[in-house]
Amino acid sequence: MRTLGIIGYSIVCALLLTLFSQIQDMLKYLFSLGALYTGIQFFRRYDTKGPRIAFVIVSVVLFFVFSIAYAMYLYIKTGEIPNPV
């Protein structure tokens, strides 16, 4: 059950960070605060080093996966490579 919790929190945090990196409006900071809040809730629930390290690693890996998937989606939709900002 702990593994599902780590994966669930990591997916939510990675999605929020992906939205933070892709949106160019003031709304992007709400996603940043959401990711911070998710991390705080995870660290409250799991107080040992192992799950915390796993959460950070899985969140970073999923952030890159989601960012690449979103860039591929934009490329398919528009035919242009998205500009990194």
PDB file of N, CA and C in Angstrom:
ATOM      1  N   MET A   1       0.825  -1.200   0.000  1.00  0.00           N
ATOM      2  CA  MET A   1       0.000   0.000   0.000  1.00  0.00           C
ATOM      3  C   MET A   1       0.865   1.259   0.000  1.00  0.00           C
ATOM      4  N   ARG A   2       2.033   1.141   0.636  1.00  0.00           N
ATOM      5  CA  ARG A   2       2.915   2.302   0.693  1.00  0.00           C
ATOM      6  C   ARG A   2       3.430   2.664  -0.699  1.00  0.00           C
ATOM      7  N   THR A   3       3.669   1.646  -1.522  1.00  0.00           N
ATOM      8  CA  THR A   3       4.160   1.897  -2.882  1.00  0.00           C
ATOM      9  C   THR A   3       3.136   2.675  -3.702  1.00  0.00           C
ATOM     10  N   LEU A   4       1.864   2.315  -3.568  1.00  0.00           N
ATOM     11  CA  LEU A   4       0.820   3.049  -4.281  1.00  0.00           C
ATOM     12  C   LEU A   4       0.720   4.491  -3.803  1.00  0.00           C
ATOM     13  N   GLY A   5       0.927   4.721  -2.517  1.00  0.00           N
ATOM     14  CA  GLY A   5       0.920   6.082  -1.988  1.00  0.00           C
ATOM     15  C   GLY A   5       2.059   6.915  -2.558  1.00  0.00           C
ATOM     16  N   ILE A   6       3.239   6.315  -2.615  1.00  0.00           N
ATOM     17  CA  ILE A   6       4.400   7.022  -3.171  1.00  0.00           C
ATOM     18  C   ILE A   6       4.153   7.355  -4.642  1.00  0.00           C
ATOM     19  N   ILE A   7       3.663   6.384  -5.394  1.00  0.00           N
ATOM     20  CA  ILE A   7       3.416   6.615  -6.821  1.00  0.00           C
ATOM     21  C   ILE A   7       2.308   7.646  -7.023  1.00  0.00           C
ATOM     22  N   GLY A   8       1.261   7.568  -6.225  1.00  0.00           N
ATOM     23  CA  GLY A   8       0.153   8.525  -6.352  1.00  0.00           C
ATOM     24  C   GLY A   8       0.587   9.950  -6.070  1.00  0.00           C
ATOM     25  N   TYR A   9       1.278  10.154  -4.947  1.00  0.00           N
ATOM     26  CA  TYR A   9       1.763  11.492  -4.621  1.00  0.00           C
ATOM     27  C   TYR A   9       2.756  11.980  -5.678  1.00  0.00           C
ATOM     28  N   SER A  10       3.603  11.085  -6.190  1.00  0.00           N
ATOM     29  CA  SER A  10       4.591  11.477  -7.190  1.00  0.00           C
ATOM     30  C   SER A  10       3.926  11.899  -8.497  1.00  0.00           C
ATOM     31  N   ILE A  11       2.881  11.179  -8.894  1.00  0.00           N
ATOM     32  CA  ILE A  11       2.177  11.543 -10.122  1.00  0.00           C
ATOM     33  C   ILE A  11       1.534  12.911  -9.983  1.00  0.00           C
ATOM     34  N   VAL A  12       0.884  13.160  -8.853  1.00  0.00           N
ATOM     35  CA  VAL A  12       0.235  14.461  -8.642  1.00  0.00           C
ATOM     36  C   VAL A  12       1.274  15.574  -8.648  1.00  0.00           C
ATOM     37  N   CYS A  13       2.363  15.366  -7.932  1.00  0.00           N
ATOM     38  CA  CYS A  13       3.408  16.394  -7.858  1.00  0.00           C
ATOM     39  C   CYS A  13       4.043  16.627  -9.235  1.00  0.00           C
ATOM     40  N   ALA A  14       4.306  15.566  -9.980  1.00  0.00           N
ATOM     41  CA  ALA A  14       4.919  15.708 -11.301  1.00  0.00           C
ATOM     42  C   ALA A  14       3.980  16.410 -12.271  1.00  0.00           C
ATOM     43  N   LEU A  15       2.699  16.100 -12.220  1.00  0.00           N
ATOM     44  CA  LEU A  15       1.735  16.792 -13.095  1.00  0.00           C
ATOM     45  C   LEU A  15       1.656  18.277 -12.759  1.00  0.00           C
ATOM     46  N   LEU A  16       1.641  18.599 -11.479  1.00  0.00           N
ATOM     47  CA  LEU A  16       1.587  20.011 -11.086  1.00  0.00           C
ATOM     48  C   LEU A  16       2.850  20.749 -11.518  1.00  0.00           C
ATOM     49  N   LEU A  17       4.002  20.103 -11.387  1.00  0.00           N
ATOM     50  CA  LEU A  17       5.245  20.744 -11.814  1.00  0.00           C
ATOM     51  C   LEU A  17       5.311  20.878 -13.340  1.00  0.00           C
ATOM     52  N   THR A  18       4.762  19.908 -14.055  1.00  0.00           N
ATOM     53  CA  THR A  18       4.718  20.008 -15.517  1.00  0.00           C
ATOM     54  C   THR A  18       3.840  21.176 -15.937  1.00  0.00           C
ATOM     55  N   LEU A  19       2.685  21.318 -15.309  1.00  0.00           N
ATOM     56  CA  LEU A  19       1.820  22.462 -15.617  1.00  0.00           C
ATOM     57  C   LEU A  19       2.505  23.776 -15.252  1.00  0.00           C
ATOM     58  N   PHE A  20       3.232  23.787 -14.135  1.00  0.00           N
ATOM     59  CA  PHE A  20       3.969  24.986 -13.738  1.00  0.00           C
ATOM     60  C   PHE A  20       4.994  25.376 -14.794  1.00  0.00           C
ATOM     61  N   SER A  21       5.665  24.388 -15.363  1.00  0.00           N
ATOM     62  CA  SER A  21       6.716  24.714 -16.334  1.00  0.00           C
ATOM     63  C   SER A  21       6.165  25.077 -17.711  1.00  0.00           C
ATOM     64  N   GLN A  22       4.928  24.720 -18.017  1.00  0.00           N
ATOM     65  CA  GLN A  22       4.392  24.955 -19.351  1.00  0.00           C
ATOM     66  C   GLN A  22       3.503  26.188 -19.454  1.00  0.00           C
ATOM     67  N   ILE A  23       2.904  26.607 -18.370  1.00  0.00           N
ATOM     68  CA  ILE A  23       1.977  27.742 -18.403  1.00  0.00           C
ATOM     69  C   ILE A  23       2.768  29.036 -18.234  1.00  0.00           C
ATOM     70  N   GLN A  24       2.427  30.060 -18.999  1.00  0.00           N
ATOM     71  CA  GLN A  24       3.154  31.328 -18.967  1.00  0.00           C
ATOM     72  C   GLN A  24       2.321  32.450 -18.368  1.00  0.00           C
ATOM     73  N   ASP A  25       1.464  32.158 -17.445  1.00  0.00           N
ATOM     74  CA  ASP A  25       0.578  33.141 -16.831  1.00  0.00           C
ATOM     75  C   ASP A  25       0.853  33.171 -15.327  1.00  0.00           C
ATOM     76  N   MET A  26       0.239  34.104 -14.637  1.00  0.00           N
ATOM     77  CA  MET A  26       0.377  34.162 -13.182  1.00  0.00           C
ATOM     78  C   MET A  26      -0.257  32.946 -12.506  1.00  0.00           C
ATOM     79  N   LEU A  27      -1.129  32.256 -13.228  1.00  0.00           N
ATOM     80  CA  LEU A  27      -1.774  31.052 -12.714  1.00  0.00           C
ATOM     81  C   LEU A  27      -0.764  29.936 -12.454  1.00  0.00           C
ATOM     82  N   LYS A  28       0.388  29.993 -13.103  1.00  0.00           N
ATOM     83  CA  LYS A  28       1.397  28.957 -12.955  1.00  0.00           C
ATOM     84  C   LYS A  28       1.868  28.826 -11.513  1.00  0.00           C
ATOM     85  N   TYR A  29       1.829  29.911 -10.754  1.00  0.00           N
ATOM     86  CA  TYR A  29       2.303  29.856  -9.373  1.00  0.00           C
ATOM     87  C   TYR A  29       1.355  29.093  -8.465  1.00  0.00           C
ATOM     88  N   LEU A  30       0.100  28.981  -8.839  1.00  0.00           N
ATOM     89  CA  LEU A  30      -0.825  28.137  -8.087  1.00  0.00           C
ATOM     90  C   LEU A  30      -0.423  26.670  -8.222  1.00  0.00           C
ATOM     91  N   PHE A  31       0.031  26.276  -9.403  1.00  0.00           N
ATOM     92  CA  PHE A  31       0.490  24.902  -9.586  1.00  0.00           C
ATOM     93  C   PHE A  31       1.761  24.643  -8.792  1.00  0.00           C
ATOM     94  N   SER A  32       2.626  25.636  -8.688  1.00  0.00           N
ATOM     95  CA  SER A  32       3.824  25.500  -7.879  1.00  0.00           C
ATOM     96  C   SER A  32       3.463  25.329  -6.407  1.00  0.00           C
ATOM     97  N   LEU A  33       2.533  26.122  -5.938  1.00  0.00           N
ATOM     98  CA  LEU A  33       2.096  25.985  -4.546  1.00  0.00           C
ATOM     99  C   LEU A  33       1.402  24.646  -4.313  1.00  0.00           C
ATOM    100  N   GLY A  34       0.667  24.164  -5.316  1.00  0.00           N
ATOM    101  CA  GLY A  34       0.035  22.853  -5.204  1.00  0.00           C
ATOM    102  C   GLY A  34       1.064  21.739  -5.087  1.00  0.00           C
ATOM    103  N   ALA A  35       2.139  21.826  -5.853  1.00  0.00           N
ATOM    104  CA  ALA A  35       3.206  20.823  -5.763  1.00  0.00           C
ATOM    105  C   ALA A  35       3.899  20.897  -4.407  1.00  0.00           C
ATOM    106  N   LEU A  36       4.115  22.099  -3.917  1.00  0.00           N
ATOM    107  CA  LEU A  36       4.719  22.264  -2.594  1.00  0.00           C
ATOM    108  C   LEU A  36       3.824  21.677  -1.516  1.00  0.00           C
ATOM    109  N   TYR A  37       2.529  21.947  -1.602  1.00  0.00           N
ATOM    110  CA  TYR A  37       1.576  21.414  -0.636  1.00  0.00           C
ATOM    111  C   TYR A  37       1.532  19.882  -0.687  1.00  0.00           C
ATOM    112  N   THR A  38       1.578  19.320  -1.897  1.00  0.00           N
ATOM    113  CA  THR A  38       1.593  17.870  -2.052  1.00  0.00           C
ATOM    114  C   THR A  38       2.841  17.275  -1.406  1.00  0.00           C
ATOM    115  N   GLY A  39       3.977  17.913  -1.614  1.00  0.00           N
ATOM    116  CA  GLY A  39       5.219  17.442  -0.996  1.00  0.00           C
ATOM    117  C   GLY A  39       5.169  17.510   0.519  1.00  0.00           C
ATOM    118  N   ILE A  40       4.607  18.585   1.044  1.00  0.00           N
ATOM    119  CA  ILE A  40       4.495  18.725   2.500  1.00  0.00           C
ATOM    120  C   ILE A  40       3.585  17.642   3.062  1.00  0.00           C
ATOM    121  N   GLN A  41       2.466  17.387   2.396  1.00  0.00           N
ATOM    122  CA  GLN A  41       1.547  16.339   2.864  1.00  0.00           C
ATOM    123  C   GLN A  41       2.218  14.966   2.806  1.00  0.00           C
ATOM    124  N   PHE A  42       3.004  14.716   1.765  1.00  0.00           N
ATOM    125  CA  PHE A  42       3.695  13.436   1.670  1.00  0.00           C
ATOM    126  C   PHE A  42       4.710  13.295   2.792  1.00  0.00           C
ATOM    127  N   PHE A  43       5.483  14.337   3.041  1.00  0.00           N
ATOM    128  CA  PHE A  43       6.511  14.257   4.067  1.00  0.00           C
ATOM    129  C   PHE A  43       5.895  14.139   5.460  1.00  0.00           C
ATOM    130  N   ARG A  44       4.686  14.645   5.666  1.00  0.00           N
ATOM    131  CA  ARG A  44       3.993  14.451   6.937  1.00  0.00           C
ATOM    132  C   ARG A  44       3.568  13.002   7.121  1.00  0.00           C
ATOM    133  N   ARG A  45       3.119  12.401   6.036  1.00  0.00           N
ATOM    134  CA  ARG A  45       2.587  11.036   6.113  1.00  0.00           C
ATOM    135  C   ARG A  45       3.695  10.004   6.250  1.00  0.00           C
ATOM    136  N   TYR A  46       4.791  10.175   5.525  1.00  0.00           N
ATOM    137  CA  TYR A  46       5.893   9.214   5.539  1.00  0.00           C
ATOM    138  C   TYR A  46       7.099   9.873   6.191  1.00  0.00           C
ATOM    139  N   ASP A  47       7.493   9.357   7.353  1.00  0.00           N
ATOM    140  CA  ASP A  47       8.539  10.036   8.113  1.00  0.00           C
ATOM    141  C   ASP A  47       9.888   9.323   8.080  1.00  0.00           C
ATOM    142  N   THR A  48      10.065   8.340   7.219  1.00  0.00           N
ATOM    143  CA  THR A  48      11.367   7.679   7.098  1.00  0.00           C
ATOM    144  C   THR A  48      12.056   8.127   5.807  1.00  0.00           C
ATOM    145  N   LYS A  49      13.353   7.863   5.752  1.00  0.00           N
ATOM    146  CA  LYS A  49      14.142   8.351   4.613  1.00  0.00           C
ATOM    147  C   LYS A  49      13.819   7.656   3.297  1.00  0.00           C
ATOM    148  N   GLY A  50      13.588   6.359   3.332  1.00  0.00           N
ATOM    149  CA  GLY A  50      13.379   5.583   2.108  1.00  0.00           C
ATOM    150  C   GLY A  50      12.238   6.092   1.249  1.00  0.00           C
ATOM    151  N   PRO A  51      11.020   6.194   1.798  1.00  0.00           N
ATOM    152  CA  PRO A  51       9.910   6.703   0.982  1.00  0.00           C
ATOM    153  C   PRO A  51      10.112   8.142   0.518  1.00  0.00           C
ATOM    154  N   ARG A  52      10.748   8.952   1.332  1.00  0.00           N
ATOM    155  CA  ARG A  52      10.985  10.345   0.937  1.00  0.00           C
ATOM    156  C   ARG A  52      11.927  10.433  -0.252  1.00  0.00           C
ATOM    157  N   ILE A  53      12.995   9.652  -0.203  1.00  0.00           N
ATOM    158  CA  ILE A  53      13.937   9.639  -1.330  1.00  0.00           C
ATOM    159  C   ILE A  53      13.254   9.106  -2.582  1.00  0.00           C
ATOM    160  N   ALA A  54      12.465   8.039  -2.423  1.00  0.00           N
ATOM    161  CA  ALA A  54      11.740   7.472  -3.559  1.00  0.00           C
ATOM    162  C   ALA A  54      10.763   8.480  -4.143  1.00  0.00           C
ATOM    163  N   PHE A  55      10.070   9.237  -3.291  1.00  0.00           N
ATOM    164  CA  PHE A  55       9.127  10.254  -3.750  1.00  0.00           C
ATOM    165  C   PHE A  55       9.829  11.301  -4.609  1.00  0.00           C
ATOM    166  N   VAL A  56      10.950  11.794  -4.144  1.00  0.00           N
ATOM    167  CA  VAL A  56      11.670  12.836  -4.886  1.00  0.00           C
ATOM    168  C   VAL A  56      12.170  12.296  -6.224  1.00  0.00           C
ATOM    169  N   ILE A  57      12.758  11.109  -6.215  1.00  0.00           N
ATOM    170  CA  ILE A  57      13.302  10.541  -7.450  1.00  0.00           C
ATOM    171  C   ILE A  57      12.187  10.254  -8.451  1.00  0.00           C
ATOM    172  N   VAL A  58      11.112   9.617  -7.993  1.00  0.00           N
ATOM    173  CA  VAL A  58      10.015   9.273  -8.899  1.00  0.00           C
ATOM    174  C   VAL A  58       9.342  10.543  -9.419  1.00  0.00           C
ATOM    175  N   SER A  59       9.210  11.559  -8.580  1.00  0.00           N
ATOM    176  CA  SER A  59       8.594  12.817  -9.022  1.00  0.00           C
ATOM    177  C   SER A  59       9.422  13.487 -10.112  1.00  0.00           C
ATOM    178  N   VAL A  60      10.724  13.514  -9.951  1.00  0.00           N
ATOM    179  CA  VAL A  60      11.593  14.143 -10.952  1.00  0.00           C
ATOM    180  C   VAL A  60      11.548  13.367 -12.268  1.00  0.00           C
ATOM    181  N   VAL A  61      11.620  12.039 -12.184  1.00  0.00           N
ATOM    182  CA  VAL A  61      11.573  11.223 -13.400  1.00  0.00           C
ATOM    183  C   VAL A  61      10.234  11.404 -14.114  1.00  0.00           C
ATOM    184  N   LEU A  62       9.131  11.374 -13.362  1.00  0.00           N
ATOM    185  CA  LEU A  62       7.822  11.554 -13.975  1.00  0.00           C
ATOM    186  C   LEU A  62       7.642  12.965 -14.532  1.00  0.00           C
ATOM    187  N   PHE A  63       8.246  13.966 -13.894  1.00  0.00           N
ATOM    188  CA  PHE A  63       8.202  15.330 -14.419  1.00  0.00           C
ATOM    189  C   PHE A  63       8.810  15.380 -15.813  1.00  0.00           C
ATOM    190  N   PHE A  64       9.969  14.743 -15.976  1.00  0.00           N
ATOM    191  CA  PHE A  64      10.604  14.725 -17.295  1.00  0.00           C
ATOM    192  C   PHE A  64       9.777  13.937 -18.306  1.00  0.00           C
ATOM    193  N   VAL A  65       9.211  12.818 -17.882  1.00  0.00           N
ATOM    194  CA  VAL A  65       8.379  12.009 -18.785  1.00  0.00           C
ATOM    195  C   VAL A  65       7.158  12.804 -19.231  1.00  0.00           C
ATOM    196  N   PHE A  66       6.477  13.453 -18.285  1.00  0.00           N
ATOM    197  CA  PHE A  66       5.286  14.231 -18.624  1.00  0.00           C
ATOM    198  C   PHE A  66       5.636  15.431 -19.491  1.00  0.00           C
ATOM    199  N   SER A  67       6.769  16.068 -19.229  1.00  0.00           N
ATOM    200  CA  SER A  67       7.183  17.215 -20.038  1.00  0.00           C
ATOM    201  C   SER A  67       7.486  16.800 -21.475  1.00  0.00           C
ATOM    202  N   ILE A  68       8.165  15.673 -21.632  1.00  0.00           N
ATOM    203  CA  ILE A  68       8.460  15.184 -22.977  1.00  0.00           C
ATOM    204  C   ILE A  68       7.174  14.774 -23.687  1.00  0.00           C
ATOM    205  N   ALA A  69       6.271  14.130 -22.968  1.00  0.00           N
ATOM    206  CA  ALA A  69       4.994  13.725 -23.568  1.00  0.00           C
ATOM    207  C   ALA A  69       4.194  14.950 -23.997  1.00  0.00           C
ATOM    208  N   TYR A  70       4.191  15.997 -23.188  1.00  0.00           N
ATOM    209  CA  TYR A  70       3.472  17.215 -23.549  1.00  0.00           C
ATOM    210  C   TYR A  70       4.108  17.893 -24.756  1.00  0.00           C
ATOM    211  N   ALA A  71       5.441  17.903 -24.822  1.00  0.00           N
ATOM    212  CA  ALA A  71       6.125  18.491 -25.975  1.00  0.00           C
ATOM    213  C   ALA A  71       5.818  17.697 -27.247  1.00  0.00           C
ATOM    214  N   MET A  72       5.760  16.382 -27.136  1.00  0.00           N
ATOM    215  CA  MET A  72       5.407  15.565 -28.302  1.00  0.00           C
ATOM    216  C   MET A  72       3.962  15.821 -28.714  1.00  0.00           C
ATOM    217  N   TYR A  73       3.067  15.978 -27.750  1.00  0.00           N
ATOM    218  CA  TYR A  73       1.673  16.293 -28.061  1.00  0.00           C
ATOM    219  C   TYR A  73       1.569  17.624 -28.801  1.00  0.00           C
ATOM    220  N   LEU A  74       2.300  18.637 -28.330  1.00  0.00           N
ATOM    221  CA  LEU A  74       2.273  19.937 -29.011  1.00  0.00           C
ATOM    222  C   LEU A  74       2.851  19.841 -30.410  1.00  0.00           C
ATOM    223  N   TYR A  75       3.883  19.035 -30.576  1.00  0.00           N
ATOM    224  CA  TYR A  75       4.479  18.874 -31.899  1.00  0.00           C
ATOM    225  C   TYR A  75       3.499  18.208 -32.864  1.00  0.00           C
ATOM    226  N   ILE A  76       2.811  17.198 -32.375  1.00  0.00           N
ATOM    227  CA  ILE A  76       1.824  16.526 -33.228  1.00  0.00           C
ATOM    228  C   ILE A  76       0.666  17.456 -33.558  1.00  0.00           C
ATOM    229  N   LYS A  77       0.250  18.242 -32.583  1.00  0.00           N
ATOM    230  CA  LYS A  77      -0.900  19.132 -32.771  1.00  0.00           C
ATOM    231  C   LYS A  77      -0.571  20.296 -33.693  1.00  0.00           C
ATOM    232  N   THR A  78       0.579  20.948 -33.504  1.00  0.00           N
ATOM    233  CA  THR A  78       0.883  22.172 -34.236  1.00  0.00           C
ATOM    234  C   THR A  78       1.933  21.972 -35.337  1.00  0.00           C
ATOM    235  N   GLY A  79       2.743  20.941 -35.238  1.00  0.00           N
ATOM    236  CA  GLY A  79       3.790  20.735 -36.226  1.00  0.00           C
ATOM    237  C   GLY A  79       5.041  21.538 -35.962  1.00  0.00           C
ATOM    238  N   GLU A  80       5.089  22.224 -34.820  1.00  0.00           N
ATOM    239  CA  GLU A  80       6.255  23.018 -34.449  1.00  0.00           C
ATOM    240  C   GLU A  80       6.801  22.538 -33.116  1.00  0.00           C
ATOM    241  N   ILE A  81       8.103  22.644 -32.979  1.00  0.00           N
ATOM    242  CA  ILE A  81       8.712  22.277 -31.715  1.00  0.00           C
ATOM    243  C   ILE A  81       8.468  23.423 -30.723  1.00  0.00           C
ATOM    244  N   PRO A  82       7.977  23.094 -29.505  1.00  0.00           N
ATOM    245  CA  PRO A  82       7.704  24.162 -28.542  1.00  0.00           C
ATOM    246  C   PRO A  82       8.993  24.869 -28.120  1.00  0.00           C
ATOM    247  N   ASN A  83       8.898  26.159 -27.937  1.00  0.00           N
ATOM    248  CA  ASN A  83      10.018  26.982 -27.543  1.00  0.00           C
ATOM    249  C   ASN A  83      10.219  26.891 -26.031  1.00  0.00           C
ATOM    250  N   PRO A  84      11.407  26.482 -25.552  1.00  0.00           N
ATOM    251  CA  PRO A  84      11.607  26.486 -24.092  1.00  0.00           C
ATOM    252  C   PRO A  84      11.755  27.906 -23.593  1.00  0.00           C
ATOM    253  N   VAL A  85      11.056  28.200 -22.530  1.00  0.00           N
ATOM    254  CA  VAL A  85      11.102  29.559 -21.973  1.00  0.00           C
ATOM    255  C   VAL A  85      11.715  29.539 -20.617  1.00  0.00           C
TER     256      VAL A  85
END
